[in-house]
Amino acid sequence: MADLRVTLIQSDLHWHDAAANRAKLQQKIEEVPGSDLIVLPEMFTTGFSMEAPALAEPMGGESVNWMRLMARQKNAVIMGSLIIAEHGHYYNRLIWMRPDGTHAQYDKRHLFRMAGECEAYTPGKDRLLVELNGWRICPLVCYDLRFPVFSRNTPIAYDVLIYIASWPSRRRLAWQTLLKARAIENLAFCIGVNRVGQDGNGHTYAGDSAAYNLLGEELAHHEHEEATTTVTLSRAHLEETRQKLPWHIDADAFTLL
């Protein structure tokens, strides 16, 4: 199988301004020379906000349709989360938008209670696994990073673990450490895409978007600046590492209720 090209877009975001964010990110996406998957931060249309009633969009709204347009134009999957209203509930919903206009979705399971996210949004239940060019991918959102049981790769179910986030600067050490740990413990590539800048609540974000291989070795890293980078995930590294170091065989079996 071929290697996989993944583009990380680390951007500042306009507070509560979906149109401005779509325009800004569209320019960045259009400048990507070639990629299989383009990853945007958490709540890329608004910033990390608890004002769901005022900001939520339906699944047929402008932002989801914009993702569909971008995916078709770039012939790449576009991935990011936004605030969605559905059946009287609000979700921090990750959208996996394919070039053919179909999509998969994951509602953030672990809601950040310290910011009141668990009061503003309904949690998801099931983990999402998707396939792209023969690669199996598990996309998750921000606070999910702190809960390794939910992402545990036993038996080997995915090849790439991706976290999109609004992770604040003051806890950047945890972000950097846990991304690397998730790669090593799960025998998978691990990618994290965070935002930069300051939001309307005064929280600052250092970025630190990064990609790690199965050994926890850094493939890419950006600190506090806006940046777009494409990394190539090696199929040879994936297969050789799992063959030489098959520690997943000795992992403890468990069932997630």
C-alpha atoms as a PDB file:
ATOM      1  CA  MET A   1       0.000   0.000   0.000  1.00  0.00           C
ATOM      2  CA  ALA A   2       1.056   3.583  -0.620  1.00  0.00           C
ATOM      3  CA  ASP A   3       2.239   6.032   2.019  1.00  0.00           C
ATOM      4  CA  LEU A   4      -0.322   8.504   3.364  1.00  0.00           C
ATOM      5  CA  ARG A   5       0.006  12.294   3.077  1.00  0.00           C
ATOM      6  CA  VAL A   6      -1.597  14.206   5.962  1.00  0.00           C
ATOM      7  CA  THR A   7      -1.764  17.998   6.176  1.00  0.00           C
ATOM      8  CA  LEU A   8      -1.899  19.719   9.568  1.00  0.00           C
ATOM      9  CA  ILE A   9      -3.413  23.230   9.533  1.00  0.00           C
ATOM     10  CA  GLN A  10      -2.530  25.101  12.714  1.00  0.00           C
ATOM     11  CA  SER A  11      -4.431  28.386  12.675  1.00  0.00           C
ATOM     12  CA  ASP A  12      -5.678  31.219  14.814  1.00  0.00           C
ATOM     13  CA  LEU A  13      -9.482  31.468  14.740  1.00  0.00           C
ATOM     14  CA  HIS A  14     -11.932  34.355  14.620  1.00  0.00           C
ATOM     15  CA  TRP A  15     -14.098  34.290  17.739  1.00  0.00           C
ATOM     16  CA  HIS A  16     -17.726  33.333  16.970  1.00  0.00           C
ATOM     17  CA  ASP A  17     -17.394  34.164  13.260  1.00  0.00           C
ATOM     18  CA  ALA A  18     -17.961  31.097  11.108  1.00  0.00           C
ATOM     19  CA  ALA A  19     -17.873  32.985   7.784  1.00  0.00           C
ATOM     20  CA  ALA A  20     -14.527  34.606   8.586  1.00  0.00           C
ATOM     21  CA  ASN A  21     -13.047  31.280   9.681  1.00  0.00           C
ATOM     22  CA  ARG A  22     -14.250  29.500   6.572  1.00  0.00           C
ATOM     23  CA  ALA A  23     -12.707  32.209   4.392  1.00  0.00           C
ATOM     24  CA  LYS A  24      -9.406  32.108   6.272  1.00  0.00           C
ATOM     25  CA  LEU A  25      -9.151  28.321   6.249  1.00  0.00           C
ATOM     26  CA  GLN A  26     -10.220  28.100   2.622  1.00  0.00           C
ATOM     27  CA  GLN A  27      -7.207  30.175   1.632  1.00  0.00           C
ATOM     28  CA  LYS A  28      -4.932  27.862   3.617  1.00  0.00           C
ATOM     29  CA  ILE A  29      -6.543  24.734   2.149  1.00  0.00           C
ATOM     30  CA  GLU A  30      -6.281  26.025  -1.413  1.00  0.00           C
ATOM     31  CA  GLU A  31      -2.528  26.513  -0.914  1.00  0.00           C
ATOM     32  CA  VAL A  32      -1.985  22.846   0.016  1.00  0.00           C
ATOM     33  CA  PRO A  33      -0.132  21.367  -3.000  1.00  0.00           C
ATOM     34  CA  GLY A  34      -1.307  17.789  -2.589  1.00  0.00           C
ATOM     35  CA  SER A  35      -2.597  15.677   0.271  1.00  0.00           C
ATOM     36  CA  ASP A  36      -4.813  12.723   1.085  1.00  0.00           C
ATOM     37  CA  LEU A  37      -6.152  14.186   4.346  1.00  0.00           C
ATOM     38  CA  ILE A  38      -6.375  17.802   5.556  1.00  0.00           C
ATOM     39  CA  VAL A  39      -6.901  18.253   9.297  1.00  0.00           C
ATOM     40  CA  LEU A  40      -8.459  21.366  10.897  1.00  0.00           C
ATOM     41  CA  PRO A  41      -8.608  22.206  14.636  1.00  0.00           C
ATOM     42  CA  GLU A  42     -11.482  21.594  17.049  1.00  0.00           C
ATOM     43  CA  MET A  43     -14.487  23.935  16.625  1.00  0.00           C
ATOM     44  CA  PHE A  44     -12.777  25.516  13.634  1.00  0.00           C
ATOM     45  CA  THR A  45     -15.786  27.713  12.796  1.00  0.00           C
ATOM     46  CA  THR A  46     -16.150  29.466  16.174  1.00  0.00           C
ATOM     47  CA  GLY A  47     -13.338  28.753  18.583  1.00  0.00           C
ATOM     48  CA  PHE A  48     -13.955  26.623  21.685  1.00  0.00           C
ATOM     49  CA  SER A  49     -17.243  28.119  22.862  1.00  0.00           C
ATOM     50  CA  MET A  50     -20.038  27.040  25.188  1.00  0.00           C
ATOM     51  CA  GLU A  51     -22.590  29.311  23.467  1.00  0.00           C
ATOM     52  CA  ALA A  52     -24.090  26.456  21.496  1.00  0.00           C
ATOM     53  CA  PRO A  53     -27.642  27.835  21.058  1.00  0.00           C
ATOM     54  CA  ALA A  54     -26.314  30.940  19.321  1.00  0.00           C
ATOM     55  CA  LEU A  55     -23.605  29.251  17.244  1.00  0.00           C
ATOM     56  CA  ALA A  56     -24.842  25.767  16.321  1.00  0.00           C
ATOM     57  CA  GLU A  57     -25.451  24.822  12.714  1.00  0.00           C
ATOM     58  CA  PRO A  58     -27.486  21.955  11.240  1.00  0.00           C
ATOM     59  CA  MET A  59     -25.813  19.155   9.329  1.00  0.00           C
ATOM     60  CA  GLY A  60     -27.135  20.724   6.145  1.00  0.00           C
ATOM     61  CA  GLY A  61     -25.745  24.132   7.065  1.00  0.00           C
ATOM     62  CA  GLU A  62     -23.104  26.337   5.455  1.00  0.00           C
ATOM     63  CA  SER A  63     -20.072  24.917   7.241  1.00  0.00           C
ATOM     64  CA  VAL A  64     -20.734  21.251   6.467  1.00  0.00           C
ATOM     65  CA  ASN A  65     -21.511  22.174   2.861  1.00  0.00           C
ATOM     66  CA  TRP A  66     -18.280  24.181   2.775  1.00  0.00           C
ATOM     67  CA  MET A  67     -16.340  21.117   3.945  1.00  0.00           C
ATOM     68  CA  ARG A  68     -17.984  19.121   1.144  1.00  0.00           C
ATOM     69  CA  LEU A  69     -16.911  21.750  -1.401  1.00  0.00           C
ATOM     70  CA  MET A  70     -13.335  21.870  -0.108  1.00  0.00           C
ATOM     71  CA  ALA A  71     -13.016  18.082  -0.113  1.00  0.00           C
ATOM     72  CA  ARG A  72     -14.208  17.887  -3.701  1.00  0.00           C
ATOM     73  CA  GLN A  73     -11.946  20.720  -4.879  1.00  0.00           C
ATOM     74  CA  LYS A  74      -8.825  19.288  -3.249  1.00  0.00           C
ATOM     75  CA  ASN A  75      -9.716  15.622  -3.872  1.00  0.00           C
ATOM     76  CA  ALA A  76      -8.842  14.990  -0.230  1.00  0.00           C
ATOM     77  CA  VAL A  77     -10.656  14.191   2.991  1.00  0.00           C
ATOM     78  CA  ILE A  78     -11.288  17.306   5.121  1.00  0.00           C
ATOM     79  CA  MET A  79     -11.556  16.716   8.856  1.00  0.00           C
ATOM     80  CA  GLY A  80     -12.484  19.079  11.707  1.00  0.00           C
ATOM     81  CA  SER A  81     -15.136  19.641  14.371  1.00  0.00           C
ATOM     82  CA  LEU A  82     -17.876  22.227  14.725  1.00  0.00           C
ATOM     83  CA  ILE A  83     -20.977  22.898  16.804  1.00  0.00           C
ATOM     84  CA  ILE A  84     -23.955  20.952  15.467  1.00  0.00           C
ATOM     85  CA  ALA A  85     -27.617  21.108  16.515  1.00  0.00           C
ATOM     86  CA  GLU A  86     -29.605  17.929  15.996  1.00  0.00           C
ATOM     87  CA  HIS A  87     -32.860  16.601  17.491  1.00  0.00           C
ATOM     88  CA  GLY A  88     -32.849  19.177  20.272  1.00  0.00           C
ATOM     89  CA  HIS A  89     -29.248  18.486  21.324  1.00  0.00           C
ATOM     90  CA  TYR A  90     -25.922  20.196  20.698  1.00  0.00           C
ATOM     91  CA  TYR A  91     -22.784  18.279  19.758  1.00  0.00           C
ATOM     92  CA  ASN A  92     -19.100  19.001  19.365  1.00  0.00           C
ATOM     93  CA  ARG A  93     -19.084  16.952  16.180  1.00  0.00           C
ATOM     94  CA  LEU A  94     -16.077  15.828  14.204  1.00  0.00           C
ATOM     95  CA  ILE A  95     -16.852  15.573  10.492  1.00  0.00           C
ATOM     96  CA  TRP A  96     -14.841  13.312   8.196  1.00  0.00           C
ATOM     97  CA  MET A  97     -15.763  14.678   4.765  1.00  0.00           C
ATOM     98  CA  ARG A  98     -14.799  12.651   1.692  1.00  0.00           C
ATOM     99  CA  PRO A  99     -14.236  14.037  -1.837  1.00  0.00           C
ATOM    100  CA  ASP A 100     -17.341  12.234  -3.104  1.00  0.00           C
ATOM    101  CA  GLY A 101     -19.528  14.215  -0.699  1.00  0.00           C
ATOM    102  CA  THR A 102     -20.210  11.391   1.757  1.00  0.00           C
ATOM    103  CA  HIS A 103     -19.109  11.741   5.348  1.00  0.00           C
ATOM    104  CA  ALA A 104     -18.596   9.990   8.669  1.00  0.00           C
ATOM    105  CA  GLN A 105     -18.968  11.664  12.056  1.00  0.00           C
ATOM    106  CA  TYR A 106     -17.915  11.363  15.673  1.00  0.00           C
ATOM    107  CA  ASP A 107     -19.436  13.255  18.592  1.00  0.00           C
ATOM    108  CA  LYS A 108     -16.819  14.088  21.229  1.00  0.00           C
ATOM    109  CA  ARG A 109     -17.192  11.592  24.045  1.00  0.00           C
ATOM    110  CA  HIS A 110     -15.129  13.215  26.802  1.00  0.00           C
ATOM    111  CA  LEU A 111     -16.480  16.715  27.384  1.00  0.00           C
ATOM    112  CA  PHE A 112     -14.238  19.163  29.228  1.00  0.00           C
ATOM    113  CA  ARG A 113     -16.189  19.777  32.423  1.00  0.00           C
ATOM    114  CA  MET A 114     -13.803  22.456  33.711  1.00  0.00           C
ATOM    115  CA  ALA A 115     -15.074  24.715  30.929  1.00  0.00           C
ATOM    116  CA  GLY A 116     -18.706  23.592  31.263  1.00  0.00           C
ATOM    117  CA  GLU A 117     -18.644  21.623  28.016  1.00  0.00           C
ATOM    118  CA  CYS A 118     -20.516  18.731  29.652  1.00  0.00           C
ATOM    119  CA  GLU A 119     -23.387  21.117  30.434  1.00  0.00           C
ATOM    120  CA  ALA A 120     -23.568  22.702  26.978  1.00  0.00           C
ATOM    121  CA  TYR A 121     -23.173  19.584  24.811  1.00  0.00           C
ATOM    122  CA  THR A 122     -24.354  15.994  24.591  1.00  0.00           C
ATOM    123  CA  PRO A 123     -21.517  13.436  24.671  1.00  0.00           C
ATOM    124  CA  GLY A 124     -20.978  10.852  21.979  1.00  0.00           C
ATOM    125  CA  LYS A 125     -20.782   7.150  22.714  1.00  0.00           C
ATOM    126  CA  ASP A 126     -19.004   5.236  19.988  1.00  0.00           C
ATOM    127  CA  ARG A 127     -15.472   5.557  18.668  1.00  0.00           C
ATOM    128  CA  LEU A 128     -15.170   6.188  14.932  1.00  0.00           C
ATOM    129  CA  LEU A 129     -12.896   4.147  12.675  1.00  0.00           C
ATOM    130  CA  VAL A 130     -12.536   5.190   9.045  1.00  0.00           C
ATOM    131  CA  GLU A 131     -10.504   3.994   6.080  1.00  0.00           C
ATOM    132  CA  LEU A 132      -8.480   6.040   3.612  1.00  0.00           C
ATOM    133  CA  ASN A 133      -6.343   4.521   0.848  1.00  0.00           C
ATOM    134  CA  GLY A 134      -6.002   1.302   2.802  1.00  0.00           C
ATOM    135  CA  TRP A 135      -5.078   3.086   6.047  1.00  0.00           C
ATOM    136  CA  ARG A 136      -7.304   2.656   9.108  1.00  0.00           C
ATOM    137  CA  ILE A 137      -7.730   5.880  11.059  1.00  0.00           C
ATOM    138  CA  CYS A 138      -9.194   6.736  14.463  1.00  0.00           C
ATOM    139  CA  PRO A 139     -10.107  10.456  14.791  1.00  0.00           C
ATOM    140  CA  LEU A 140     -10.727  11.900  18.268  1.00  0.00           C
ATOM    141  CA  VAL A 141     -11.172  15.309  19.894  1.00  0.00           C
ATOM    142  CA  CYS A 142      -9.045  17.221  22.430  1.00  0.00           C
ATOM    143  CA  TYR A 143      -9.945  16.040  25.973  1.00  0.00           C
ATOM    144  CA  ASP A 144     -10.226  12.468  24.621  1.00  0.00           C
ATOM    145  CA  LEU A 145      -6.414  12.495  24.683  1.00  0.00           C
ATOM    146  CA  ARG A 146      -6.409  12.145  28.486  1.00  0.00           C
ATOM    147  CA  PHE A 147      -8.316   8.840  28.421  1.00  0.00           C
ATOM    148  CA  PRO A 148      -6.120   6.066  26.974  1.00  0.00           C
ATOM    149  CA  VAL A 149      -8.652   3.274  27.460  1.00  0.00           C
ATOM    150  CA  PHE A 150     -10.986   4.824  24.871  1.00  0.00           C
ATOM    151  CA  SER A 151      -8.242   4.933  22.238  1.00  0.00           C
ATOM    152  CA  ARG A 152      -6.541   1.631  23.138  1.00  0.00           C
ATOM    153  CA  ASN A 153      -5.551  -0.198  19.965  1.00  0.00           C
ATOM    154  CA  THR A 154      -6.278  -3.783  21.030  1.00  0.00           C
ATOM    155  CA  PRO A 155      -6.592  -5.715  18.909  1.00  0.00           C
ATOM    156  CA  ILE A 156      -4.862  -3.636  16.220  1.00  0.00           C
ATOM    157  CA  ALA A 157      -7.843  -1.773  14.786  1.00  0.00           C
ATOM    158  CA  TYR A 158      -6.211   1.349  13.347  1.00  0.00           C
ATOM    159  CA  ASP A 159      -2.927   2.613  11.907  1.00  0.00           C
ATOM    160  CA  VAL A 160      -3.254   6.338  12.610  1.00  0.00           C
ATOM    161  CA  LEU A 161      -4.639   8.137  15.663  1.00  0.00           C
ATOM    162  CA  ILE A 162      -5.573  11.801  15.152  1.00  0.00           C
ATOM    163  CA  TYR A 163      -6.568  14.363  17.779  1.00  0.00           C
ATOM    164  CA  ILE A 164      -7.975  17.779  16.884  1.00  0.00           C
ATOM    165  CA  ALA A 165      -7.938  20.262  19.722  1.00  0.00           C
ATOM    166  CA  SER A 166      -8.322  23.618  21.415  1.00  0.00           C
ATOM    167  CA  TRP A 167      -5.649  22.844  23.998  1.00  0.00           C
ATOM    168  CA  PRO A 168      -4.524  25.839  26.119  1.00  0.00           C
ATOM    169  CA  SER A 169      -0.915  26.943  26.441  1.00  0.00           C
ATOM    170  CA  ARG A 170      -0.742  26.473  30.194  1.00  0.00           C
ATOM    171  CA  ARG A 171      -1.187  22.720  29.780  1.00  0.00           C
ATOM    172  CA  ARG A 172       1.008  22.275  26.715  1.00  0.00           C
ATOM    173  CA  LEU A 173       3.334  19.805  28.472  1.00  0.00           C
ATOM    174  CA  ALA A 174       0.457  17.351  28.893  1.00  0.00           C
ATOM    175  CA  TRP A 175      -0.482  17.724  25.205  1.00  0.00           C
ATOM    176  CA  GLN A 176       3.084  17.090  24.034  1.00  0.00           C
ATOM    177  CA  THR A 177       3.639  14.165  26.392  1.00  0.00           C
ATOM    178  CA  LEU A 178       0.358  12.365  25.800  1.00  0.00           C
ATOM    179  CA  LEU A 179       0.491  12.575  22.001  1.00  0.00           C
ATOM    180  CA  LYS A 180       3.846  10.821  22.046  1.00  0.00           C
ATOM    181  CA  ALA A 181       2.605   8.270  24.586  1.00  0.00           C
ATOM    182  CA  ARG A 182      -0.483   7.440  22.526  1.00  0.00           C
ATOM    183  CA  ALA A 183       1.750   6.688  19.505  1.00  0.00           C
ATOM    184  CA  ILE A 184       4.071   4.387  21.450  1.00  0.00           C
ATOM    185  CA  GLU A 185       1.449   2.474  23.425  1.00  0.00           C
ATOM    186  CA  ASN A 186      -0.852   1.931  20.444  1.00  0.00           C
ATOM    187  CA  LEU A 187       1.777   1.044  17.809  1.00  0.00           C
ATOM    188  CA  ALA A 188       0.294   3.677  15.530  1.00  0.00           C
ATOM    189  CA  PHE A 189       1.162   7.029  14.031  1.00  0.00           C
ATOM    190  CA  CYS A 190      -0.265   9.787  16.221  1.00  0.00           C
ATOM    191  CA  ILE A 191      -1.114  13.287  14.998  1.00  0.00           C
ATOM    192  CA  GLY A 192      -2.381  16.266  16.972  1.00  0.00           C
ATOM    193  CA  VAL A 193      -3.704  19.480  15.413  1.00  0.00           C
ATOM    194  CA  ASN A 194      -4.220  22.378  17.806  1.00  0.00           C
ATOM    195  CA  ARG A 195      -5.047  26.045  17.261  1.00  0.00           C
ATOM    196  CA  VAL A 196      -2.986  29.126  18.124  1.00  0.00           C
ATOM    197  CA  GLY A 197      -3.838  32.657  19.256  1.00  0.00           C
ATOM    198  CA  GLN A 198      -6.222  33.911  21.913  1.00  0.00           C
ATOM    199  CA  ASP A 199      -9.969  33.300  22.092  1.00  0.00           C
ATOM    200  CA  GLY A 200     -12.801  35.531  23.269  1.00  0.00           C
ATOM    201  CA  ASN A 201     -12.498  34.191  26.812  1.00  0.00           C
ATOM    202  CA  GLY A 202      -8.859  35.246  27.040  1.00  0.00           C
ATOM    203  CA  HIS A 203      -7.417  31.724  26.760  1.00  0.00           C
ATOM    204  CA  THR A 204      -4.196  31.416  24.755  1.00  0.00           C
ATOM    205  CA  TYR A 205      -3.151  28.458  22.630  1.00  0.00           C
ATOM    206  CA  ALA A 206       0.446  27.493  21.896  1.00  0.00           C
ATOM    207  CA  GLY A 207      -0.340  25.199  18.982  1.00  0.00           C
ATOM    208  CA  ASP A 208       2.257  22.440  19.263  1.00  0.00           C
ATOM    209  CA  SER A 209       0.585  20.575  16.426  1.00  0.00           C
ATOM    210  CA  ALA A 210       2.722  17.512  15.788  1.00  0.00           C
ATOM    211  CA  ALA A 211       3.056  14.090  14.212  1.00  0.00           C
ATOM    212  CA  TYR A 212       4.839  11.075  15.704  1.00  0.00           C
ATOM    213  CA  ASN A 213       5.724   7.668  14.314  1.00  0.00           C
ATOM    214  CA  LEU A 214       5.166   4.348  16.078  1.00  0.00           C
ATOM    215  CA  LEU A 215       8.316   4.788  18.174  1.00  0.00           C
ATOM    216  CA  GLY A 216       7.311   8.249  19.361  1.00  0.00           C
ATOM    217  CA  GLU A 217       9.813   9.953  17.072  1.00  0.00           C
ATOM    218  CA  GLU A 218       8.794  13.410  15.902  1.00  0.00           C
ATOM    219  CA  LEU A 219       7.919  13.820  12.228  1.00  0.00           C
ATOM    220  CA  ALA A 220       6.656  17.402  12.461  1.00  0.00           C
ATOM    221  CA  HIS A 221       6.087  20.048  15.120  1.00  0.00           C
ATOM    222  CA  HIS A 222       4.967  23.693  15.162  1.00  0.00           C
ATOM    223  CA  GLU A 223       4.804  25.857  18.275  1.00  0.00           C
ATOM    224  CA  HIS A 224       2.845  29.116  18.562  1.00  0.00           C
ATOM    225  CA  GLU A 225       2.817  30.312  14.927  1.00  0.00           C
ATOM    226  CA  GLU A 226       0.239  29.688  12.245  1.00  0.00           C
ATOM    227  CA  ALA A 227       1.551  26.909  10.051  1.00  0.00           C
ATOM    228  CA  THR A 228       0.504  24.400   7.425  1.00  0.00           C
ATOM    229  CA  THR A 229       2.609  21.301   6.941  1.00  0.00           C
ATOM    230  CA  THR A 230       2.172  17.993   5.166  1.00  0.00           C
ATOM    231  CA  VAL A 231       3.742  14.839   6.593  1.00  0.00           C
ATOM    232  CA  THR A 232       4.115  11.531   4.816  1.00  0.00           C
ATOM    233  CA  LEU A 233       3.277   8.474   6.904  1.00  0.00           C
ATOM    234  CA  SER A 234       5.399   5.511   5.865  1.00  0.00           C
ATOM    235  CA  ARG A 235       3.669   2.202   5.280  1.00  0.00           C
ATOM    236  CA  ALA A 236       7.060   0.472   5.482  1.00  0.00           C
ATOM    237  CA  HIS A 237       7.710   1.931   8.953  1.00  0.00           C
ATOM    238  CA  LEU A 238       4.253   0.828  10.095  1.00  0.00           C
ATOM    239  CA  GLU A 239       4.684  -2.767   8.956  1.00  0.00           C
ATOM    240  CA  GLU A 240       8.328  -3.187   9.978  1.00  0.00           C
ATOM    241  CA  THR A 241       7.813  -1.773  13.466  1.00  0.00           C
ATOM    242  CA  ARG A 242       4.780  -3.936  14.170  1.00  0.00           C
ATOM    243  CA  GLN A 243       6.640  -7.002  12.943  1.00  0.00           C
ATOM    244  CA  LYS A 244       9.757  -6.348  15.037  1.00  0.00           C
ATOM    245  CA  LEU A 245       7.979  -5.086  18.161  1.00  0.00           C
ATOM    246  CA  PRO A 246       4.616  -6.878  18.387  1.00  0.00           C
ATOM    247  CA  TRP A 247       3.885  -5.892  21.975  1.00  0.00           C
ATOM    248  CA  HIS A 248       0.202  -5.604  21.150  1.00  0.00           C
ATOM    249  CA  ILE A 249       0.112  -9.409  21.344  1.00  0.00           C
ATOM    250  CA  ASP A 250       0.718  -9.201  25.116  1.00  0.00           C
ATOM    251  CA  ALA A 251      -1.812  -6.427  25.769  1.00  0.00           C
ATOM    252  CA  ASP A 252      -4.540  -7.037  28.338  1.00  0.00           C
ATOM    253  CA  ALA A 253      -7.961  -7.780  26.907  1.00  0.00           C
ATOM    254  CA  PHE A 254     -10.856  -5.633  28.074  1.00  0.00           C
ATOM    255  CA  THR A 255     -14.349  -4.531  27.098  1.00  0.00           C
ATOM    256  CA  LEU A 256     -15.357  -0.866  27.080  1.00  0.00           C
ATOM    257  CA  LEU A 257     -18.885  -0.509  28.449  1.00  0.00           C
END
